[in-house]
Amino acid sequence: KRRGTKRVIFSEHAVSELAETSPASAGGSGITD
């Protein structure tokens, strides 16, 4: 939180991993994981 504004900060590595992660139609992780 800076200057009264909340921000979510993602590391470059996290954004890179999320960008490479695609939704799975089958065989993906379950809600338990």
Full PDB file with SEQRES, HELIX, SHEET, SSBOND, CRYST1, ORIGX, SCALE, CONECT and MASTER records, all heavy atoms in Angstrom:
SEQRES   1 A   33  LYS ARG ARG GLY THR LYS ARG VAL ILE PHE SER GLU HIS          
SEQRES   2 A   33  ALA VAL SER GLU LEU ALA GLU THR SER PRO ALA SER ALA          
SEQRES   3 A   33  GLY GLY SER GLY ILE THR ASP                                  
HELIX    1 AA1 GLU A   12  GLU A   20  1                                   9    
CRYST1    1.000    1.000    1.000  90.00  90.00  90.00 P 1           1          
ORIGX1      1.000000  0.000000  0.000000        0.00000                         
ORIGX2      0.000000  1.000000  0.000000        0.00000                         
ORIGX3      0.000000  0.000000  1.000000        0.00000                         
SCALE1      1.000000  0.000000  0.000000        0.00000                         
SCALE2      0.000000  1.000000  0.000000        0.00000                         
SCALE3      0.000000  0.000000  1.000000        0.00000                         
ATOM      1  N   LYS A   1       0.854  -1.188   0.000  1.00  0.00           N  
ATOM      2  CA  LYS A   1       0.000   0.000   0.000  1.00  0.00           C  
ATOM      3  C   LYS A   1       0.886   1.232   0.000  1.00  0.00           C  
ATOM      4  O   LYS A   1       1.678   1.449   0.920  1.00  0.00           O  
ATOM      5  CB  LYS A   1      -0.914   0.014   1.223  1.00  0.00           C  
ATOM      6  CG  LYS A   1      -1.955   1.132   1.190  1.00  0.00           C  
ATOM      7  CD  LYS A   1      -2.937   0.996   2.338  1.00  0.00           C  
ATOM      8  CE  LYS A   1      -4.028   2.074   2.261  1.00  0.00           C  
ATOM      9  NZ  LYS A   1      -5.005   1.935   3.361  1.00  0.00           N  
ATOM     10  N   ARG A   2       0.741   2.028  -1.049  1.00  0.00           N  
ATOM     11  CA  ARG A   2       1.536   3.239  -1.174  1.00  0.00           C  
ATOM     12  C   ARG A   2       0.637   4.393  -1.580  1.00  0.00           C  
ATOM     13  O   ARG A   2      -0.183   4.254  -2.483  1.00  0.00           O  
ATOM     14  CB  ARG A   2       2.646   3.052  -2.220  1.00  0.00           C  
ATOM     15  CG  ARG A   2       3.702   2.024  -1.827  1.00  0.00           C  
ATOM     16  CD  ARG A   2       4.678   1.757  -2.946  1.00  0.00           C  
ATOM     17  NE  ARG A   2       5.646   0.714  -2.584  1.00  0.00           N  
ATOM     18  CZ  ARG A   2       6.452   0.125  -3.445  1.00  0.00           C  
ATOM     19  NH1 ARG A   2       6.419   0.485  -4.715  1.00  0.00           N  
ATOM     20  NH2 ARG A   2       7.294  -0.808  -3.031  1.00  0.00           N  
ATOM     21  N   ARG A   3       0.813   5.518  -0.889  1.00  0.00           N  
ATOM     22  CA  ARG A   3       0.028   6.713  -1.170  1.00  0.00           C  
ATOM     23  C   ARG A   3      -1.471   6.423  -1.146  1.00  0.00           C  
ATOM     24  O   ARG A   3      -2.244   6.925  -1.963  1.00  0.00           O  
ATOM     25  CB  ARG A   3       0.422   7.310  -2.517  1.00  0.00           C  
ATOM     26  CG  ARG A   3       1.869   7.779  -2.574  1.00  0.00           C  
ATOM     27  CD  ARG A   3       2.270   8.174  -3.958  1.00  0.00           C  
ATOM     28  NE  ARG A   3       3.687   8.511  -4.028  1.00  0.00           N  
ATOM     29  CZ  ARG A   3       4.401   8.501  -5.140  1.00  0.00           C  
ATOM     30  NH1 ARG A   3       3.836   8.153  -6.281  1.00  0.00           N  
ATOM     31  NH2 ARG A   3       5.672   8.833  -5.135  1.00  0.00           N  
ATOM     32  N   GLY A   4      -1.870   5.579  -0.227  1.00  0.00           N  
ATOM     33  CA  GLY A   4      -3.279   5.284  -0.048  1.00  0.00           C  
ATOM     34  C   GLY A   4      -3.871   4.304  -1.032  1.00  0.00           C  
ATOM     35  O   GLY A   4      -5.070   4.021  -0.987  1.00  0.00           O  
ATOM     36  N   THR A   5      -3.041   3.762  -1.946  1.00  0.00           N  
ATOM     37  CA  THR A   5      -3.539   2.831  -2.957  1.00  0.00           C  
ATOM     38  C   THR A   5      -2.937   1.447  -2.753  1.00  0.00           C  
ATOM     39  O   THR A   5      -1.716   1.308  -2.636  1.00  0.00           O  
ATOM     40  CB  THR A   5      -3.188   3.325  -4.381  1.00  0.00           C  
ATOM     41  OG1 THR A   5      -3.775   4.604  -4.588  1.00  0.00           O  
ATOM     42  CG2 THR A   5      -3.722   2.353  -5.434  1.00  0.00           C  
ATOM     43  N   LYS A   6      -3.807   0.424  -2.702  1.00  0.00           N  
ATOM     44  CA  LYS A   6      -3.326  -0.948  -2.561  1.00  0.00           C  
ATOM     45  C   LYS A   6      -2.978  -1.508  -3.936  1.00  0.00           C  
ATOM     46  O   LYS A   6      -3.703  -1.316  -4.902  1.00  0.00           O  
ATOM     47  CB  LYS A   6      -4.395  -1.818  -1.896  1.00  0.00           C  
ATOM     48  CG  LYS A   6      -4.617  -1.508  -0.432  1.00  0.00           C  
ATOM     49  CD  LYS A   6      -5.684  -2.411   0.169  1.00  0.00           C  
ATOM     50  CE  LYS A   6      -5.214  -3.850   0.216  1.00  0.00           C  
ATOM     51  NZ  LYS A   6      -6.208  -4.717   0.902  1.00  0.00           N  
ATOM     52  N   ARG A   7      -1.866  -2.224  -3.980  1.00  0.00           N  
ATOM     53  CA  ARG A   7      -1.422  -2.852  -5.217  1.00  0.00           C  
ATOM     54  C   ARG A   7      -1.003  -4.292  -4.948  1.00  0.00           C  
ATOM     55  O   ARG A   7      -0.453  -4.590  -3.894  1.00  0.00           O  
ATOM     56  CB  ARG A   7      -0.235  -2.094  -5.828  1.00  0.00           C  
ATOM     57  CG  ARG A   7      -0.565  -0.697  -6.321  1.00  0.00           C  
ATOM     58  CD  ARG A   7       0.695  -0.005  -6.857  1.00  0.00           C  
ATOM     59  NE  ARG A   7       0.400   1.290  -7.456  1.00  0.00           N  
ATOM     60  CZ  ARG A   7       0.304   2.413  -6.768  1.00  0.00           C  
ATOM     61  NH1 ARG A   7       0.490   2.398  -5.456  1.00  0.00           N  
ATOM     62  NH2 ARG A   7       0.017   3.545  -7.373  1.00  0.00           N  
ATOM     63  N   VAL A   8      -1.264  -5.143  -5.930  1.00  0.00           N  
ATOM     64  CA  VAL A   8      -0.758  -6.508  -5.871  1.00  0.00           C  
ATOM     65  C   VAL A   8       0.500  -6.536  -6.727  1.00  0.00           C  
ATOM     66  O   VAL A   8       0.452  -6.209  -7.924  1.00  0.00           O  
ATOM     67  CB  VAL A   8      -1.787  -7.521  -6.410  1.00  0.00           C  
ATOM     68  CG1 VAL A   8      -1.268  -8.945  -6.235  1.00  0.00           C  
ATOM     69  CG2 VAL A   8      -3.120  -7.364  -5.698  1.00  0.00           C  
ATOM     70  N   ILE A   9       1.615  -6.900  -6.137  1.00  0.00           N  
ATOM     71  CA  ILE A   9       2.886  -6.934  -6.851  1.00  0.00           C  
ATOM     72  C   ILE A   9       3.233  -8.386  -7.185  1.00  0.00           C  
ATOM     73  O   ILE A   9       3.345  -9.228  -6.292  1.00  0.00           O  
ATOM     74  CB  ILE A   9       4.023  -6.305  -6.022  1.00  0.00           C  
ATOM     75  CG1 ILE A   9       3.654  -4.880  -5.605  1.00  0.00           C  
ATOM     76  CG2 ILE A   9       5.328  -6.320  -6.824  1.00  0.00           C  
ATOM     77  CD1 ILE A   9       3.475  -3.918  -6.753  1.00  0.00           C  
ATOM     78  N   PHE A  10       3.410  -8.656  -8.470  1.00  0.00           N  
ATOM     79  CA  PHE A  10       3.826  -9.973  -8.943  1.00  0.00           C  
ATOM     80  C   PHE A  10       5.297  -9.918  -9.335  1.00  0.00           C  
ATOM     81  O   PHE A  10       5.720  -8.969 -10.002  1.00  0.00           O  
ATOM     82  CB  PHE A  10       3.017 -10.400 -10.173  1.00  0.00           C  
ATOM     83  CG  PHE A  10       1.547 -10.612  -9.916  1.00  0.00           C  
ATOM     84  CD1 PHE A  10       0.684  -9.532  -9.803  1.00  0.00           C  
ATOM     85  CD2 PHE A  10       1.025 -11.890  -9.806  1.00  0.00           C  
ATOM     86  CE1 PHE A  10      -0.671  -9.710  -9.582  1.00  0.00           C  
ATOM     87  CE2 PHE A  10      -0.332 -12.083  -9.581  1.00  0.00           C  
ATOM     88  CZ  PHE A  10      -1.181 -11.004  -9.467  1.00  0.00           C  
ATOM     89  N   SER A  11       6.061 -10.922  -8.943  1.00  0.00           N  
ATOM     90  CA  SER A  11       7.443 -10.978  -9.400  1.00  0.00           C  
ATOM     91  C   SER A  11       7.454 -11.308 -10.894  1.00  0.00           C  
ATOM     92  O   SER A  11       6.483 -11.861 -11.429  1.00  0.00           O  
ATOM     93  CB  SER A  11       8.222 -12.040  -8.619  1.00  0.00           C  
ATOM     94  OG  SER A  11       7.749 -13.338  -8.951  1.00  0.00           O  
ATOM     95  N   GLU A  12       8.541 -10.968 -11.566  1.00  0.00           N  
ATOM     96  CA  GLU A  12       8.639 -11.286 -12.991  1.00  0.00           C  
ATOM     97  C   GLU A  12       8.548 -12.787 -13.218  1.00  0.00           C  
ATOM     98  O   GLU A  12       7.945 -13.240 -14.202  1.00  0.00           O  
ATOM     99  CB  GLU A  12       9.956 -10.735 -13.552  1.00  0.00           C  
ATOM    100  CG  GLU A  12      10.019  -9.214 -13.597  1.00  0.00           C  
ATOM    101  CD  GLU A  12      11.255  -8.724 -14.321  1.00  0.00           C  
ATOM    102  OE1 GLU A  12      12.002  -9.563 -14.856  1.00  0.00           O  
ATOM    103  OE2 GLU A  12      11.472  -7.498 -14.352  1.00  0.00           O  
ATOM    104  N   HIS A  13       9.142 -13.554 -12.309  1.00  0.00           N  
ATOM    105  CA  HIS A  13       9.088 -15.013 -12.434  1.00  0.00           C  
ATOM    106  C   HIS A  13       7.649 -15.517 -12.320  1.00  0.00           C  
ATOM    107  O   HIS A  13       7.229 -16.398 -13.082  1.00  0.00           O  
ATOM    108  CB  HIS A  13       9.955 -15.646 -11.350  1.00  0.00           C  
ATOM    109  CG  HIS A  13       9.977 -17.152 -11.401  1.00  0.00           C  
ATOM    110  ND1 HIS A  13      10.557 -17.865 -12.435  1.00  0.00           N  
ATOM    111  CD2 HIS A  13       9.464 -18.090 -10.538  1.00  0.00           C  
ATOM    112  CE1 HIS A  13      10.406 -19.160 -12.219  1.00  0.00           C  
ATOM    113  NE2 HIS A  13       9.744 -19.318 -11.080  1.00  0.00           N  
ATOM    114  N   ALA A  14       6.881 -14.937 -11.372  1.00  0.00           N  
ATOM    115  CA  ALA A  14       5.491 -15.364 -11.188  1.00  0.00           C  
ATOM    116  C   ALA A  14       4.660 -15.060 -12.426  1.00  0.00           C  
ATOM    117  O   ALA A  14       3.860 -15.896 -12.876  1.00  0.00           O  
ATOM    118  CB  ALA A  14       4.887 -14.675  -9.968  1.00  0.00           C  
ATOM    119  N   VAL A  15       4.845 -13.865 -13.002  1.00  0.00           N  
ATOM    120  CA  VAL A  15       4.093 -13.490 -14.203  1.00  0.00           C  
ATOM    121  C   VAL A  15       4.477 -14.396 -15.367  1.00  0.00           C  
ATOM    122  O   VAL A  15       3.620 -14.822 -16.148  1.00  0.00           O  
ATOM    123  CB  VAL A  15       4.343 -12.011 -14.561  1.00  0.00           C  
ATOM    124  CG1 VAL A  15       3.775 -11.688 -15.940  1.00  0.00           C  
ATOM    125  CG2 VAL A  15       3.720 -11.104 -13.511  1.00  0.00           C  
ATOM    126  N   SER A  16       5.764 -14.714 -15.479  1.00  0.00           N  
ATOM    127  CA  SER A  16       6.221 -15.597 -16.547  1.00  0.00           C  
ATOM    128  C   SER A  16       5.588 -16.979 -16.419  1.00  0.00           C  
ATOM    129  O   SER A  16       5.131 -17.567 -17.405  1.00  0.00           O  
ATOM    130  CB  SER A  16       7.750 -15.709 -16.505  1.00  0.00           C  
ATOM    131  OG  SER A  16       8.209 -16.628 -17.474  1.00  0.00           O  
ATOM    132  N   GLU A  17       5.538 -17.496 -15.187  1.00  0.00           N  
ATOM    133  CA  GLU A  17       4.928 -18.813 -14.973  1.00  0.00           C  
ATOM    134  C   GLU A  17       3.438 -18.791 -15.250  1.00  0.00           C  
ATOM    135  O   GLU A  17       2.896 -19.727 -15.850  1.00  0.00           O  
ATOM    136  CB  GLU A  17       5.180 -19.265 -13.529  1.00  0.00           C  
ATOM    137  CG  GLU A  17       6.600 -19.702 -13.255  1.00  0.00           C  
ATOM    138  CD  GLU A  17       6.740 -20.306 -11.876  1.00  0.00           C  
ATOM    139  OE1 GLU A  17       5.953 -19.926 -10.984  1.00  0.00           O  
ATOM    140  OE2 GLU A  17       7.626 -21.162 -11.677  1.00  0.00           O  
ATOM    141  N   LEU A  18       2.751 -17.729 -14.827  1.00  0.00           N  
ATOM    142  CA  LEU A  18       1.316 -17.629 -15.069  1.00  0.00           C  
ATOM    143  C   LEU A  18       1.027 -17.516 -16.560  1.00  0.00           C  
ATOM    144  O   LEU A  18       0.049 -18.082 -17.060  1.00  0.00           O  
ATOM    145  CB  LEU A  18       0.732 -16.426 -14.322  1.00  0.00           C  
ATOM    146  CG  LEU A  18       0.699 -16.525 -12.796  1.00  0.00           C  
ATOM    147  CD1 LEU A  18       0.236 -15.208 -12.192  1.00  0.00           C  
ATOM    148  CD2 LEU A  18      -0.194 -17.666 -12.341  1.00  0.00           C  
ATOM    149  N   ALA A  19       1.886 -16.777 -17.288  1.00  0.00           N  
ATOM    150  CA  ALA A  19       1.692 -16.609 -18.724  1.00  0.00           C  
ATOM    151  C   ALA A  19       1.861 -17.932 -19.462  1.00  0.00           C  
ATOM    152  O   ALA A  19       1.237 -18.163 -20.510  1.00  0.00           O  
ATOM    153  CB  ALA A  19       2.673 -15.578 -19.271  1.00  0.00           C  
ATOM    154  N   GLU A  20       2.686 -18.809 -18.909  1.00  0.00           N  
ATOM    155  CA  GLU A  20       2.930 -20.106 -19.549  1.00  0.00           C  
ATOM    156  C   GLU A  20       1.935 -21.165 -19.104  1.00  0.00           C  
ATOM    157  O   GLU A  20       1.946 -22.274 -19.620  1.00  0.00           O  
ATOM    158  CB  GLU A  20       4.352 -20.580 -19.219  1.00  0.00           C  
ATOM    159  CG  GLU A  20       5.438 -19.699 -19.819  1.00  0.00           C  
ATOM    160  CD  GLU A  20       6.821 -20.094 -19.340  1.00  0.00           C  
ATOM    161  OE1 GLU A  20       6.903 -21.040 -18.512  1.00  0.00           O  
ATOM    162  OE2 GLU A  20       7.800 -19.481 -19.781  1.00  0.00           O  
ATOM    163  N   THR A  21       1.101 -20.819 -18.140  1.00  0.00           N  
ATOM    164  CA  THR A  21       0.121 -21.768 -17.617  1.00  0.00           C  
ATOM    165  C   THR A  21      -1.191 -21.606 -18.361  1.00  0.00           C  
ATOM    166  O   THR A  21      -1.761 -20.522 -18.412  1.00  0.00           O  
ATOM    167  CB  THR A  21      -0.129 -21.537 -16.113  1.00  0.00           C  
ATOM    168  OG1 THR A  21       1.108 -21.628 -15.417  1.00  0.00           O  
ATOM    169  CG2 THR A  21      -1.090 -22.575 -15.564  1.00  0.00           C  
ATOM    170  N   SER A  22      -1.671 -22.688 -18.936  1.00  0.00           N  
ATOM    171  CA  SER A  22      -2.928 -22.617 -19.672  1.00  0.00           C  
ATOM    172  C   SER A  22      -3.979 -23.473 -18.983  1.00  0.00           C  
ATOM    173  O   SER A  22      -3.651 -24.477 -18.347  1.00  0.00           O  
ATOM    174  CB  SER A  22      -2.731 -23.117 -21.116  1.00  0.00           C  
ATOM    175  OG  SER A  22      -2.257 -24.453 -21.110  1.00  0.00           O  
ATOM    176  N   PRO A  23      -5.246 -23.068 -19.095  1.00  0.00           N  
ATOM    177  CA  PRO A  23      -6.316 -23.880 -18.492  1.00  0.00           C  
ATOM    178  C   PRO A  23      -6.313 -25.281 -19.070  1.00  0.00           C  
ATOM    179  O   PRO A  23      -6.032 -25.488 -20.246  1.00  0.00           O  
ATOM    180  CB  PRO A  23      -7.598 -23.113 -18.877  1.00  0.00           C  
ATOM    181  CG  PRO A  23      -7.127 -21.718 -19.129  1.00  0.00           C  
ATOM    182  CD  PRO A  23      -5.755 -21.854 -19.725  1.00  0.00           C  
ATOM    183  N   ALA A  24      -6.617 -26.254 -18.239  1.00  0.00           N  
ATOM    184  CA  ALA A  24      -6.619 -27.640 -18.679  1.00  0.00           C  
ATOM    185  C   ALA A  24      -8.044 -28.116 -18.892  1.00  0.00           C  
ATOM    186  O   ALA A  24      -8.924 -27.857 -18.086  1.00  0.00           O  
ATOM    187  CB  ALA A  24      -5.924 -28.521 -17.645  1.00  0.00           C  
ATOM    188  N   SER A  25      -8.259 -28.826 -19.988  1.00  0.00           N  
ATOM    189  CA  SER A  25      -9.584 -29.377 -20.250  1.00  0.00           C  
ATOM    190  C   SER A  25      -9.774 -30.704 -19.520  1.00  0.00           C  
ATOM    191  O   SER A  25     -10.875 -31.112 -19.201  1.00  0.00           O  
ATOM    192  CB  SER A  25      -9.787 -29.580 -21.756  1.00  0.00           C  
ATOM    193  OG  SER A  25      -8.775 -30.437 -22.272  1.00  0.00           O  
ATOM    194  N   ALA A  26      -8.667 -31.359 -19.262  1.00  0.00           N  
ATOM    195  CA  ALA A  26      -8.728 -32.629 -18.550  1.00  0.00           C  
ATOM    196  C   ALA A  26      -7.356 -32.925 -17.981  1.00  0.00           C  
ATOM    197  O   ALA A  26      -6.335 -32.510 -18.527  1.00  0.00           O  
ATOM    198  CB  ALA A  26      -9.169 -33.759 -19.488  1.00  0.00           C  
ATOM    199  N   GLY A  27      -7.335 -33.661 -16.888  1.00  0.00           N  
ATOM    200  CA  GLY A  27      -6.064 -34.066 -16.325  1.00  0.00           C  
ATOM    201  C   GLY A  27      -5.329 -32.960 -15.597  1.00  0.00           C  
ATOM    202  O   GLY A  27      -4.178 -33.123 -15.215  1.00  0.00           O  
ATOM    203  N   GLY A  28      -5.957 -31.821 -15.405  1.00  0.00           N  
ATOM    204  CA  GLY A  28      -5.298 -30.723 -14.694  1.00  0.00           C  
ATOM    205  C   GLY A  28      -5.392 -30.933 -13.200  1.00  0.00           C  
ATOM    206  O   GLY A  28      -5.810 -31.964 -12.703  1.00  0.00           O  
ATOM    207  N   SER A  29      -4.958 -29.953 -12.458  1.00  0.00           N  
ATOM    208  CA  SER A  29      -4.998 -30.058 -11.007  1.00  0.00           C  
ATOM    209  C   SER A  29      -6.437 -30.011 -10.522  1.00  0.00           C  
ATOM    210  O   SER A  29      -7.311 -29.445 -11.156  1.00  0.00           O  
ATOM    211  CB  SER A  29      -4.198 -28.908 -10.387  1.00  0.00           C  
ATOM    212  OG  SER A  29      -4.647 -27.677 -10.887  1.00  0.00           O  
ATOM    213  N   GLY A  30      -6.683 -30.611  -9.367  1.00  0.00           N  
ATOM    214  CA  GLY A  30      -8.015 -30.613  -8.793  1.00  0.00           C  
ATOM    215  C   GLY A  30      -8.167 -29.518  -7.764  1.00  0.00           C  
ATOM    216  O   GLY A  30      -7.204 -28.896  -7.340  1.00  0.00           O  
ATOM    217  N   ILE A  31      -9.393 -29.330  -7.322  1.00  0.00           N  
ATOM    218  CA  ILE A  31      -9.661 -28.280  -6.338  1.00  0.00           C  
ATOM    219  C   ILE A  31      -8.934 -28.577  -5.031  1.00  0.00           C  
ATOM    220  O   ILE A  31      -8.529 -27.669  -4.303  1.00  0.00           O  
ATOM    221  CB  ILE A  31     -11.190 -28.172  -6.093  1.00  0.00           C  
ATOM    222  CG1 ILE A  31     -11.497 -26.909  -5.264  1.00  0.00           C  
ATOM    223  CG2 ILE A  31     -11.726 -29.406  -5.409  1.00  0.00           C  
ATOM    224  CD1 ILE A  31     -11.253 -25.630  -5.994  1.00  0.00           C  
ATOM    225  N   THR A  32      -8.712 -29.858  -4.737  1.00  0.00           N  
ATOM    226  CA  THR A  32      -7.986 -30.221  -3.519  1.00  0.00           C  
ATOM    227  C   THR A  32      -6.587 -29.645  -3.506  1.00  0.00           C  
ATOM    228  O   THR A  32      -6.110 -29.133  -2.493  1.00  0.00           O  
ATOM    229  CB  THR A  32      -7.898 -31.754  -3.395  1.00  0.00           C  
ATOM    230  OG1 THR A  32      -9.209 -32.299  -3.373  1.00  0.00           O  
ATOM    231  CG2 THR A  32      -7.169 -32.149  -2.104  1.00  0.00           C  
ATOM    232  N   ASP A  33      -5.884 -29.711  -4.636  1.00  0.00           N  
ATOM    233  CA  ASP A  33      -4.511 -29.210  -4.705  1.00  0.00           C  
ATOM    234  C   ASP A  33      -4.460 -27.729  -4.433  1.00  0.00           C  
ATOM    235  O   ASP A  33      -3.536 -27.224  -3.791  1.00  0.00           O  
ATOM    236  CB  ASP A  33      -3.914 -29.520  -6.088  1.00  0.00           C  
ATOM    237  CG  ASP A  33      -3.913 -30.993  -6.395  1.00  0.00           C  
ATOM    238  OD1 ASP A  33      -3.466 -31.777  -5.534  1.00  0.00           O  
ATOM    239  OD2 ASP A  33      -4.368 -31.382  -7.493  1.00  0.00           O  
TER     240      ASP A  33                                                      
MASTER        0    0    0    1    0    0    0    6  239    1    0    3          
END                                                                             
